[in-house]
Amino acid sequence: EWFGPSGSLKDRIYLWMFEQAEARGDLKRGMRVLECSTGNAGIACAFVAAVKGYPCTVVMPEGLSEERKKIMRAYGAELVFTAGGESDVDLSLKRLGEIRDGDPTGYWVPGQFDNTDNVEAHYRSTGPEIWEQTGGVIGAFVASQGSGGTLTGAGRYLRERDARVKLYAVEPEECALLARREWGPHGIEGIGDGFIPDNLDVSQLSGVITTTTEESLLMARRLAAEEGLFCGISTGCNVAAALKLARRHPELPSIVTMANDTGQRYFTTALCGEDKKVDVPIREHPMDPKTQRELDRYQSGWEILR
């Protein structure tokens, strides 16, 4: 997905979300775009905002890669930081709400976690591309769970074409919310945010695969050294998970996953030998009611791979 204009799979959703909001009259001249992100979404959002001439503010956890922050600022975005790292997105969402409440008519919030245009963008682009590139021979689609848009949108398209396609969500072993209802800090930027977003349709899932931060880092390095694919940490996570599934289910005719972005956004992270310490706040992290309901309803039917 590096070949998108701002360098990640998030490019697929933001132009579509902006244009749909403009068409509905939700986004108008004079408004400021306000989004919550752990990196790639913020970059894509800032990029589209710059092209279309809207000021942009991104709220994000402070403990993410410096490259992400610099790219967003290069696109003109104002950054607001909250405590913690990838698994502390709830704090960023809370701060976003506070900012929006200060001027309810002055901000437009794309809302990647609950905006159904996110899902629709993947249904219209990612799903058909996968179907075409595989010749319609797909055993399973494996995708790390961030906003839920990729897995839900592309997965829905693929299953409409062939109901036998299995869908597997991937999450950090250290923050195995779907697999074990556990929360904790991890080092896989862009996924494992500690809640089930509205855009993740868990009713579609066949199973959940967990991958440790270390497994993800090692696989991302292998992809660069052995395949010439210098990708980010979540891509390593995806590929490691796909290989786990292949070992468990050798009968699957093919397994599809995503290379989410480039490794060039991770020079200041453990991927490239700089193990930055993230100050994660010590706090309670109670499960929200929606996540509890979804897990109670669907979790027992999932295959769990570690």
C-alpha atoms as a PDB file:
ATOM      1  CA  GLU A   1       0.000   0.000   0.000  1.00  0.00           C
ATOM      2  CA  TRP A   2       3.085   2.262  -0.042  1.00  0.00           C
ATOM      3  CA  PHE A   3       2.166   3.280  -3.588  1.00  0.00           C
ATOM      4  CA  GLY A   4      -0.770   5.374  -2.403  1.00  0.00           C
ATOM      5  CA  PRO A   5      -0.091   9.122  -2.576  1.00  0.00           C
ATOM      6  CA  SER A   6       0.662   9.512   1.140  1.00  0.00           C
ATOM      7  CA  GLY A   7       2.133   6.037   1.532  1.00  0.00           C
ATOM      8  CA  SER A   8      -0.323   3.707   3.273  1.00  0.00           C
ATOM      9  CA  LEU A   9      -3.626   1.857   2.978  1.00  0.00           C
ATOM     10  CA  LYS A  10      -5.326   4.801   4.700  1.00  0.00           C
ATOM     11  CA  ASP A  11      -5.194   6.723   1.414  1.00  0.00           C
ATOM     12  CA  ARG A  12      -8.005   4.457   0.228  1.00  0.00           C
ATOM     13  CA  ILE A  13     -10.458   5.849   2.758  1.00  0.00           C
ATOM     14  CA  TYR A  14      -9.747   9.548   3.342  1.00  0.00           C
ATOM     15  CA  LEU A  15     -10.399  10.988  -0.103  1.00  0.00           C
ATOM     16  CA  TRP A  16     -13.661   9.016  -0.188  1.00  0.00           C
ATOM     17  CA  MET A  17     -14.675  10.158   3.312  1.00  0.00           C
ATOM     18  CA  PHE A  18     -13.898  13.805   2.500  1.00  0.00           C
ATOM     19  CA  GLU A  19     -15.810  13.745  -0.783  1.00  0.00           C
ATOM     20  CA  GLN A  20     -18.822  11.998   0.713  1.00  0.00           C
ATOM     21  CA  ALA A  21     -18.912  14.518   3.567  1.00  0.00           C
ATOM     22  CA  GLU A  22     -18.707  17.415   1.116  1.00  0.00           C
ATOM     23  CA  ALA A  23     -21.518  15.935  -0.975  1.00  0.00           C
ATOM     24  CA  ARG A  24     -23.739  15.587   2.108  1.00  0.00           C
ATOM     25  CA  GLY A  25     -22.931  19.096   3.288  1.00  0.00           C
ATOM     26  CA  ASP A  26     -21.230  17.858   6.460  1.00  0.00           C
ATOM     27  CA  LEU A  27     -17.882  19.398   5.451  1.00  0.00           C
ATOM     28  CA  LYS A  28     -17.916  23.006   4.291  1.00  0.00           C
ATOM     29  CA  ARG A  29     -15.426  25.780   3.656  1.00  0.00           C
ATOM     30  CA  GLY A  30     -14.302  27.436   6.864  1.00  0.00           C
ATOM     31  CA  MET A  31     -14.423  24.233   8.900  1.00  0.00           C
ATOM     32  CA  ARG A  32     -11.385  22.550  10.449  1.00  0.00           C
ATOM     33  CA  VAL A  33     -10.843  18.807  10.057  1.00  0.00           C
ATOM     34  CA  LEU A  34     -10.306  17.048  13.394  1.00  0.00           C
ATOM     35  CA  GLU A  35      -9.223  13.398  13.522  1.00  0.00           C
ATOM     36  CA  CYS A  36      -7.819  10.831  15.952  1.00  0.00           C
ATOM     37  CA  SER A  37      -5.031   8.604  14.676  1.00  0.00           C
ATOM     38  CA  THR A  38      -1.981   6.585  15.621  1.00  0.00           C
ATOM     39  CA  GLY A  39      -0.187   7.632  12.448  1.00  0.00           C
ATOM     40  CA  ASN A  40      -1.099   6.497   8.954  1.00  0.00           C
ATOM     41  CA  ALA A  41      -4.689   7.699   9.174  1.00  0.00           C
ATOM     42  CA  GLY A  42      -3.500  11.077  10.406  1.00  0.00           C
ATOM     43  CA  ILE A  43      -1.024  11.321   7.549  1.00  0.00           C
ATOM     44  CA  ALA A  44      -3.646  10.449   4.931  1.00  0.00           C
ATOM     45  CA  CYS A  45      -6.138  12.823   6.547  1.00  0.00           C
ATOM     46  CA  ALA A  46      -3.628  15.686   6.644  1.00  0.00           C
ATOM     47  CA  PHE A  47      -2.658  15.002   3.026  1.00  0.00           C
ATOM     48  CA  VAL A  48      -6.242  15.135   1.730  1.00  0.00           C
ATOM     49  CA  ALA A  49      -6.989  18.190   3.879  1.00  0.00           C
ATOM     50  CA  ALA A  50      -3.967  19.955   2.369  1.00  0.00           C
ATOM     51  CA  VAL A  51      -5.013  19.107  -1.190  1.00  0.00           C
ATOM     52  CA  LYS A  52      -8.565  20.317  -0.559  1.00  0.00           C
ATOM     53  CA  GLY A  53      -7.572  23.406   1.404  1.00  0.00           C
ATOM     54  CA  TYR A  54      -8.900  22.582   4.876  1.00  0.00           C
ATOM     55  CA  PRO A  55      -6.959  23.198   8.101  1.00  0.00           C
ATOM     56  CA  CYS A  56      -6.408  19.973  10.017  1.00  0.00           C
ATOM     57  CA  THR A  57      -5.791  18.897  13.613  1.00  0.00           C
ATOM     58  CA  VAL A  58      -4.784  15.341  14.528  1.00  0.00           C
ATOM     59  CA  VAL A  59      -5.050  14.015  18.082  1.00  0.00           C
ATOM     60  CA  MET A  60      -2.706  11.101  18.768  1.00  0.00           C
ATOM     61  CA  PRO A  61      -0.818   9.260  21.523  1.00  0.00           C
ATOM     62  CA  GLU A  62       2.593  10.813  22.067  1.00  0.00           C
ATOM     63  CA  GLY A  63       4.556   7.553  22.081  1.00  0.00           C
ATOM     64  CA  LEU A  64       4.447   6.853  18.349  1.00  0.00           C
ATOM     65  CA  SER A  65       7.180   7.146  15.744  1.00  0.00           C
ATOM     66  CA  GLU A  66       8.718  10.566  15.101  1.00  0.00           C
ATOM     67  CA  GLU A  67       8.441  10.031  11.350  1.00  0.00           C
ATOM     68  CA  ARG A  68       4.658   9.971  11.579  1.00  0.00           C
ATOM     69  CA  LYS A  69       4.598  13.264  13.454  1.00  0.00           C
ATOM     70  CA  LYS A  70       6.975  14.985  11.044  1.00  0.00           C
ATOM     71  CA  ILE A  71       5.041  13.869   7.966  1.00  0.00           C
ATOM     72  CA  MET A  72       1.751  15.122   9.389  1.00  0.00           C
ATOM     73  CA  ARG A  73       3.330  18.466  10.220  1.00  0.00           C
ATOM     74  CA  ALA A  74       4.804  18.631   6.713  1.00  0.00           C
ATOM     75  CA  TYR A  75       1.250  18.409   5.364  1.00  0.00           C
ATOM     76  CA  GLY A  76       0.320  21.339   7.598  1.00  0.00           C
ATOM     77  CA  ALA A  77      -1.478  19.477  10.372  1.00  0.00           C
ATOM     78  CA  GLU A  78      -1.559  20.704  13.946  1.00  0.00           C
ATOM     79  CA  LEU A  79      -0.850  17.867  16.395  1.00  0.00           C
ATOM     80  CA  VAL A  80      -2.372  17.391  19.841  1.00  0.00           C
ATOM     81  CA  PHE A  81      -0.770  14.687  21.979  1.00  0.00           C
ATOM     82  CA  THR A  82      -2.204  12.488  24.693  1.00  0.00           C
ATOM     83  CA  ALA A  83      -0.390  10.136  27.062  1.00  0.00           C
ATOM     84  CA  GLY A  84       0.738   6.649  26.154  1.00  0.00           C
ATOM     85  CA  GLY A  85       1.121   4.604  23.004  1.00  0.00           C
ATOM     86  CA  GLU A  86      -0.846   2.453  20.616  1.00  0.00           C
ATOM     87  CA  SER A  87      -3.130   0.846  23.200  1.00  0.00           C
ATOM     88  CA  ASP A  88      -4.108   4.251  24.685  1.00  0.00           C
ATOM     89  CA  VAL A  89      -6.199   5.497  21.779  1.00  0.00           C
ATOM     90  CA  ASP A  90      -9.205   5.858  24.064  1.00  0.00           C
ATOM     91  CA  LEU A  91      -7.431   8.804  25.708  1.00  0.00           C
ATOM     92  CA  SER A  92      -6.959  10.456  22.308  1.00  0.00           C
ATOM     93  CA  LEU A  93     -10.613   9.908  21.429  1.00  0.00           C
ATOM     94  CA  LYS A  94     -11.638  11.498  24.722  1.00  0.00           C
ATOM     95  CA  ARG A  95      -9.466  14.548  24.022  1.00  0.00           C
ATOM     96  CA  LEU A  96     -10.867  14.811  20.497  1.00  0.00           C
ATOM     97  CA  GLY A  97     -14.369  14.919  21.957  1.00  0.00           C
ATOM     98  CA  GLU A  98     -13.378  17.719  24.305  1.00  0.00           C
ATOM     99  CA  ILE A  99     -11.937  19.768  21.440  1.00  0.00           C
ATOM    100  CA  ARG A 100     -14.987  19.217  19.247  1.00  0.00           C
ATOM    101  CA  ASP A 101     -17.371  20.151  22.056  1.00  0.00           C
ATOM    102  CA  GLY A 102     -15.610  23.506  22.306  1.00  0.00           C
ATOM    103  CA  ASP A 103     -16.821  24.431  18.798  1.00  0.00           C
ATOM    104  CA  PRO A 104     -19.405  21.873  17.597  1.00  0.00           C
ATOM    105  CA  THR A 105     -20.086  23.577  14.262  1.00  0.00           C
ATOM    106  CA  GLY A 106     -16.477  24.487  13.512  1.00  0.00           C
ATOM    107  CA  TYR A 107     -15.038  20.990  13.194  1.00  0.00           C
ATOM    108  CA  TRP A 108     -15.629  18.071  10.870  1.00  0.00           C
ATOM    109  CA  VAL A 109     -14.510  14.744  12.324  1.00  0.00           C
ATOM    110  CA  PRO A 110     -13.895  12.011   9.712  1.00  0.00           C
ATOM    111  CA  GLY A 111     -14.092   9.425  12.490  1.00  0.00           C
ATOM    112  CA  GLN A 112     -12.237   6.486  10.986  1.00  0.00           C
ATOM    113  CA  PHE A 113     -13.436   4.141  13.739  1.00  0.00           C
ATOM    114  CA  ASP A 114     -17.169   4.662  13.177  1.00  0.00           C
ATOM    115  CA  ASN A 115     -17.589   6.353   9.792  1.00  0.00           C
ATOM    116  CA  THR A 116     -19.169   3.766   7.482  1.00  0.00           C
ATOM    117  CA  ASP A 117     -17.609   5.521   4.484  1.00  0.00           C
ATOM    118  CA  ASN A 118     -14.360   3.908   5.666  1.00  0.00           C
ATOM    119  CA  VAL A 119     -15.888   0.453   5.178  1.00  0.00           C
ATOM    120  CA  GLU A 120     -17.467   1.487   1.878  1.00  0.00           C
ATOM    121  CA  ALA A 121     -14.118   2.662   0.487  1.00  0.00           C
ATOM    122  CA  HIS A 122     -12.563  -0.748   1.101  1.00  0.00           C
ATOM    123  CA  TYR A 123     -15.651  -2.483  -0.276  1.00  0.00           C
ATOM    124  CA  ARG A 124     -15.308  -0.450  -3.478  1.00  0.00           C
ATOM    125  CA  SER A 125     -11.521  -0.650  -3.907  1.00  0.00           C
ATOM    126  CA  THR A 126      -9.601  -3.143  -1.769  1.00  0.00           C
ATOM    127  CA  GLY A 127     -12.048  -6.021  -2.109  1.00  0.00           C
ATOM    128  CA  PRO A 128     -12.367  -5.882  -5.912  1.00  0.00           C
ATOM    129  CA  GLU A 129      -8.585  -5.507  -6.315  1.00  0.00           C
ATOM    130  CA  ILE A 130      -7.960  -8.610  -4.200  1.00  0.00           C
ATOM    131  CA  TRP A 131     -10.572 -10.570  -6.128  1.00  0.00           C
ATOM    132  CA  GLU A 132      -9.051  -9.576  -9.469  1.00  0.00           C
ATOM    133  CA  GLN A 133      -5.440 -10.186  -8.441  1.00  0.00           C
ATOM    134  CA  THR A 134      -6.170 -13.664  -7.059  1.00  0.00           C
ATOM    135  CA  GLY A 135      -8.434 -14.698  -9.908  1.00  0.00           C
ATOM    136  CA  GLY A 136     -11.147 -15.279  -7.337  1.00  0.00           C
ATOM    137  CA  VAL A 137      -9.204 -18.091  -5.652  1.00  0.00           C
ATOM    138  CA  ILE A 138      -9.175 -17.037  -1.996  1.00  0.00           C
ATOM    139  CA  GLY A 139      -9.230 -19.312   1.025  1.00  0.00           C
ATOM    140  CA  ALA A 140      -8.846 -16.650   3.699  1.00  0.00           C
ATOM    141  CA  PHE A 141      -8.318 -12.927   4.149  1.00  0.00           C
ATOM    142  CA  VAL A 142      -6.130 -11.988   7.115  1.00  0.00           C
ATOM    143  CA  ALA A 143      -5.894  -8.376   8.312  1.00  0.00           C
ATOM    144  CA  SER A 144      -4.689  -6.613  11.436  1.00  0.00           C
ATOM    145  CA  GLN A 145      -7.494  -4.864  13.279  1.00  0.00           C
ATOM    146  CA  GLY A 146      -7.236  -1.108  13.623  1.00  0.00           C
ATOM    147  CA  SER A 147     -10.271   0.889  12.543  1.00  0.00           C
ATOM    148  CA  GLY A 148     -11.903  -2.281  11.225  1.00  0.00           C
ATOM    149  CA  GLY A 149     -12.522  -0.801   7.785  1.00  0.00           C
ATOM    150  CA  THR A 150     -10.200  -3.051   5.783  1.00  0.00           C
ATOM    151  CA  LEU A 151     -11.368  -6.325   7.284  1.00  0.00           C
ATOM    152  CA  THR A 152     -15.056  -5.418   7.182  1.00  0.00           C
ATOM    153  CA  GLY A 153     -15.179  -3.689   3.792  1.00  0.00           C
ATOM    154  CA  ALA A 154     -12.870  -5.927   1.781  1.00  0.00           C
ATOM    155  CA  GLY A 155     -14.066  -8.987   3.684  1.00  0.00           C
ATOM    156  CA  ARG A 156     -17.705  -8.243   2.939  1.00  0.00           C
ATOM    157  CA  TYR A 157     -16.970  -7.899  -0.765  1.00  0.00           C
ATOM    158  CA  LEU A 158     -14.987 -11.150  -0.890  1.00  0.00           C
ATOM    159  CA  ARG A 159     -17.619 -13.110   0.991  1.00  0.00           C
ATOM    160  CA  GLU A 160     -20.341 -11.790  -1.308  1.00  0.00           C
ATOM    161  CA  ARG A 161     -18.373 -13.213  -4.217  1.00  0.00           C
ATOM    162  CA  ASP A 162     -17.565 -16.492  -2.421  1.00  0.00           C
ATOM    163  CA  ALA A 163     -19.155 -17.308   0.938  1.00  0.00           C
ATOM    164  CA  ARG A 164     -16.424 -19.879   1.614  1.00  0.00           C
ATOM    165  CA  VAL A 165     -13.801 -17.147   2.173  1.00  0.00           C
ATOM    166  CA  LYS A 166     -12.713 -17.093   5.823  1.00  0.00           C
ATOM    167  CA  LEU A 167     -11.929 -13.804   7.578  1.00  0.00           C
ATOM    168  CA  TYR A 168      -9.361 -13.581  10.371  1.00  0.00           C
ATOM    169  CA  ALA A 169      -8.664 -10.528  12.504  1.00  0.00           C
ATOM    170  CA  VAL A 170      -5.066 -10.082  13.670  1.00  0.00           C
ATOM    171  CA  GLU A 171      -4.192  -8.416  16.964  1.00  0.00           C
ATOM    172  CA  PRO A 172      -1.138  -8.074  19.233  1.00  0.00           C
ATOM    173  CA  GLU A 173      -0.593 -10.955  21.631  1.00  0.00           C
ATOM    174  CA  GLU A 174       0.108  -8.327  24.303  1.00  0.00           C
ATOM    175  CA  CYS A 175      -3.307  -6.698  23.745  1.00  0.00           C
ATOM    176  CA  ALA A 176      -5.458  -9.709  22.858  1.00  0.00           C
ATOM    177  CA  LEU A 177      -8.864  -8.123  23.281  1.00  0.00           C
ATOM    178  CA  LEU A 178     -10.699 -10.268  20.741  1.00  0.00           C
ATOM    179  CA  ALA A 179      -8.906 -13.488  21.603  1.00  0.00           C
ATOM    180  CA  ARG A 180      -8.772 -13.250  25.398  1.00  0.00           C
ATOM    181  CA  ARG A 181     -10.446  -9.984  26.489  1.00  0.00           C
ATOM    182  CA  GLU A 182      -7.065  -8.652  27.623  1.00  0.00           C
ATOM    183  CA  TRP A 183      -5.573  -5.178  27.309  1.00  0.00           C
ATOM    184  CA  GLY A 184      -1.946  -4.116  27.495  1.00  0.00           C
ATOM    185  CA  PRO A 185       0.780  -2.026  25.856  1.00  0.00           C
ATOM    186  CA  HIS A 186       2.474  -3.277  22.696  1.00  0.00           C
ATOM    187  CA  GLY A 187       4.746  -2.043  19.920  1.00  0.00           C
ATOM    188  CA  ILE A 188       2.737  -2.650  16.734  1.00  0.00           C
ATOM    189  CA  GLU A 189       1.761   0.837  15.631  1.00  0.00           C
ATOM    190  CA  GLY A 190      -1.633   1.200  13.966  1.00  0.00           C
ATOM    191  CA  ILE A 191      -3.498  -1.776  15.456  1.00  0.00           C
ATOM    192  CA  GLY A 192      -4.642  -3.175  18.802  1.00  0.00           C
ATOM    193  CA  ASP A 193      -6.281  -0.031  20.145  1.00  0.00           C
ATOM    194  CA  GLY A 194      -8.026  -1.719  23.067  1.00  0.00           C
ATOM    195  CA  PHE A 195     -11.663  -1.626  21.916  1.00  0.00           C
ATOM    196  CA  ILE A 196     -13.913  -2.993  19.173  1.00  0.00           C
ATOM    197  CA  PRO A 197     -14.599  -0.080  16.815  1.00  0.00           C
ATOM    198  CA  ASP A 198     -18.031   0.311  15.254  1.00  0.00           C
ATOM    199  CA  ASN A 199     -16.527  -0.346  11.824  1.00  0.00           C
ATOM    200  CA  LEU A 200     -15.358  -3.848  12.751  1.00  0.00           C
ATOM    201  CA  ASP A 201     -18.161  -6.296  11.952  1.00  0.00           C
ATOM    202  CA  VAL A 202     -17.160  -9.165  14.225  1.00  0.00           C
ATOM    203  CA  SER A 203     -20.109 -11.245  13.017  1.00  0.00           C
ATOM    204  CA  GLN A 204     -18.130 -11.893   9.806  1.00  0.00           C
ATOM    205  CA  LEU A 205     -15.087 -13.346  11.564  1.00  0.00           C
ATOM    206  CA  SER A 206     -14.001 -16.958  11.317  1.00  0.00           C
ATOM    207  CA  GLY A 207     -11.249 -16.437  13.840  1.00  0.00           C
ATOM    208  CA  VAL A 208      -8.585 -14.308  15.493  1.00  0.00           C
ATOM    209  CA  ILE A 209      -4.803 -14.639  15.207  1.00  0.00           C
ATOM    210  CA  THR A 210      -2.462 -13.057  17.753  1.00  0.00           C
ATOM    211  CA  THR A 211       1.135 -12.080  17.018  1.00  0.00           C
ATOM    212  CA  THR A 212       3.693 -10.699  19.453  1.00  0.00           C
ATOM    213  CA  THR A 213       5.510  -7.445  18.858  1.00  0.00           C
ATOM    214  CA  GLU A 214       8.768  -9.392  18.578  1.00  0.00           C
ATOM    215  CA  GLU A 215       7.331 -11.786  15.982  1.00  0.00           C
ATOM    216  CA  SER A 216       6.075  -8.801  14.002  1.00  0.00           C
ATOM    217  CA  LEU A 217       9.443  -7.038  14.102  1.00  0.00           C
ATOM    218  CA  LEU A 218      11.327 -10.156  13.057  1.00  0.00           C
ATOM    219  CA  MET A 219       8.980 -10.810  10.144  1.00  0.00           C
ATOM    220  CA  ALA A 220       9.144  -7.195   8.957  1.00  0.00           C
ATOM    221  CA  ARG A 221      12.945  -7.443   8.942  1.00  0.00           C
ATOM    222  CA  ARG A 222      12.777 -10.758   7.070  1.00  0.00           C
ATOM    223  CA  LEU A 223      10.501  -9.266   4.424  1.00  0.00           C
ATOM    224  CA  ALA A 224      13.097  -6.566   3.755  1.00  0.00           C
ATOM    225  CA  ALA A 225      16.162  -8.831   3.836  1.00  0.00           C
ATOM    226  CA  GLU A 226      14.682 -11.835   2.012  1.00  0.00           C
ATOM    227  CA  GLU A 227      11.988 -10.388  -0.270  1.00  0.00           C
ATOM    228  CA  GLY A 228      13.074  -6.787  -0.793  1.00  0.00           C
ATOM    229  CA  LEU A 229       9.874  -5.504   0.831  1.00  0.00           C
ATOM    230  CA  PHE A 230      10.750  -2.837   3.399  1.00  0.00           C
ATOM    231  CA  CYS A 231       7.428  -2.610   5.206  1.00  0.00           C
ATOM    232  CA  GLY A 232       6.208  -1.451   8.581  1.00  0.00           C
ATOM    233  CA  ILE A 233       5.639  -3.388  11.782  1.00  0.00           C
ATOM    234  CA  SER A 234       1.943  -4.094  11.217  1.00  0.00           C
ATOM    235  CA  THR A 235       2.832  -5.676   7.874  1.00  0.00           C
ATOM    236  CA  GLY A 236       5.214  -7.998   9.690  1.00  0.00           C
ATOM    237  CA  CYS A 237       2.341  -8.766  12.026  1.00  0.00           C
ATOM    238  CA  ASN A 238       0.025  -9.562   9.108  1.00  0.00           C
ATOM    239  CA  VAL A 239       2.490 -11.845   7.357  1.00  0.00           C
ATOM    240  CA  ALA A 240       3.445 -13.670  10.566  1.00  0.00           C
ATOM    241  CA  ALA A 241      -0.256 -14.252  11.209  1.00  0.00           C
ATOM    242  CA  ALA A 242      -0.872 -15.460   7.655  1.00  0.00           C
ATOM    243  CA  LEU A 243       1.930 -18.005   8.033  1.00  0.00           C
ATOM    244  CA  LYS A 244       0.436 -19.259  11.295  1.00  0.00           C
ATOM    245  CA  LEU A 245      -2.857 -19.767   9.495  1.00  0.00           C
ATOM    246  CA  ALA A 246      -1.129 -21.532   6.594  1.00  0.00           C
ATOM    247  CA  ARG A 247       0.520 -23.978   8.987  1.00  0.00           C
ATOM    248  CA  ARG A 248      -2.777 -24.675  10.722  1.00  0.00           C
ATOM    249  CA  HIS A 249      -4.835 -24.912   7.534  1.00  0.00           C
ATOM    250  CA  PRO A 250      -2.680 -26.193   4.648  1.00  0.00           C
ATOM    251  CA  GLU A 251      -5.864 -27.023   2.742  1.00  0.00           C
ATOM    252  CA  LEU A 252      -6.627 -23.343   2.063  1.00  0.00           C
ATOM    253  CA  PRO A 253      -6.068 -22.567  -1.641  1.00  0.00           C
ATOM    254  CA  SER A 254      -4.620 -19.124  -0.854  1.00  0.00           C
ATOM    255  CA  ILE A 255      -4.270 -16.677   2.011  1.00  0.00           C
ATOM    256  CA  VAL A 256      -4.396 -12.932   1.343  1.00  0.00           C
ATOM    257  CA  THR A 257      -3.069 -10.218   3.628  1.00  0.00           C
ATOM    258  CA  MET A 258      -2.053  -6.559   3.408  1.00  0.00           C
ATOM    259  CA  ALA A 259       1.300  -4.777   3.325  1.00  0.00           C
ATOM    260  CA  ASN A 260       0.004  -1.669   5.077  1.00  0.00           C
ATOM    261  CA  ASP A 261       2.829   0.846   4.659  1.00  0.00           C
ATOM    262  CA  THR A 262       6.566   1.362   4.275  1.00  0.00           C
ATOM    263  CA  GLY A 263       9.341   0.765   6.781  1.00  0.00           C
ATOM    264  CA  GLN A 264      10.520   4.318   6.163  1.00  0.00           C
ATOM    265  CA  ARG A 265       8.062   5.451   8.859  1.00  0.00           C
ATOM    266  CA  TYR A 266       9.850   3.373  11.489  1.00  0.00           C
ATOM    267  CA  PHE A 267      13.504   4.469  11.505  1.00  0.00           C
ATOM    268  CA  THR A 268      13.095   5.743  15.079  1.00  0.00           C
ATOM    269  CA  THR A 269      11.462   2.532  16.343  1.00  0.00           C
ATOM    270  CA  ALA A 270      12.538  -0.952  17.354  1.00  0.00           C
ATOM    271  CA  LEU A 271      12.164  -2.065  13.722  1.00  0.00           C
ATOM    272  CA  CYS A 272      15.405  -0.256  12.933  1.00  0.00           C
ATOM    273  CA  GLY A 273      17.143  -0.794  16.263  1.00  0.00           C
ATOM    274  CA  GLU A 274      15.944   2.292  18.159  1.00  0.00           C
ATOM    275  CA  ASP A 275      13.855   0.928  21.009  1.00  0.00           C
ATOM    276  CA  LYS A 276      12.148   4.113  22.134  1.00  0.00           C
ATOM    277  CA  LYS A 277      10.687   3.934  25.632  1.00  0.00           C
ATOM    278  CA  VAL A 278       6.985   4.791  25.700  1.00  0.00           C
ATOM    279  CA  ASP A 279       5.623   6.201  28.934  1.00  0.00           C
ATOM    280  CA  VAL A 280       2.371   4.248  29.240  1.00  0.00           C
ATOM    281  CA  PRO A 281       0.098   5.636  31.977  1.00  0.00           C
ATOM    282  CA  ILE A 282      -0.748   3.244  34.786  1.00  0.00           C
ATOM    283  CA  ARG A 283      -4.528   3.110  34.853  1.00  0.00           C
ATOM    284  CA  GLU A 284      -7.580   0.938  34.837  1.00  0.00           C
ATOM    285  CA  HIS A 285      -8.841   0.016  31.378  1.00  0.00           C
ATOM    286  CA  PRO A 286     -12.385  -1.293  31.803  1.00  0.00           C
ATOM    287  CA  MET A 287     -14.023  -2.910  28.803  1.00  0.00           C
ATOM    288  CA  ASP A 288     -16.676  -0.712  27.213  1.00  0.00           C
ATOM    289  CA  PRO A 289     -20.239  -2.098  27.089  1.00  0.00           C
ATOM    290  CA  LYS A 290     -20.313  -2.492  23.291  1.00  0.00           C
ATOM    291  CA  THR A 291     -17.093  -4.516  23.252  1.00  0.00           C
ATOM    292  CA  GLN A 292     -18.433  -6.676  26.082  1.00  0.00           C
ATOM    293  CA  ARG A 293     -21.661  -7.356  24.184  1.00  0.00           C
ATOM    294  CA  GLU A 294     -19.902  -8.191  20.944  1.00  0.00           C
ATOM    295  CA  LEU A 295     -17.512 -10.611  22.622  1.00  0.00           C
ATOM    296  CA  ASP A 296     -20.284 -12.257  24.606  1.00  0.00           C
ATOM    297  CA  ARG A 297     -22.210 -12.841  21.410  1.00  0.00           C
ATOM    298  CA  TYR A 298     -19.509 -13.958  18.962  1.00  0.00           C
ATOM    299  CA  GLN A 299     -16.235 -14.902  20.667  1.00  0.00           C
ATOM    300  CA  SER A 300     -17.131 -18.541  21.406  1.00  0.00           C
ATOM    301  CA  GLY A 301     -17.530 -19.234  17.682  1.00  0.00           C
ATOM    302  CA  TRP A 302     -14.062 -18.057  16.653  1.00  0.00           C
ATOM    303  CA  GLU A 303     -10.963 -20.110  15.986  1.00  0.00           C
ATOM    304  CA  ILE A 304      -8.112 -18.625  18.041  1.00  0.00           C
ATOM    305  CA  LEU A 305      -4.528 -19.028  16.789  1.00  0.00           C
ATOM    306  CA  ARG A 306      -1.418 -17.927  18.682  1.00  0.00           C
END
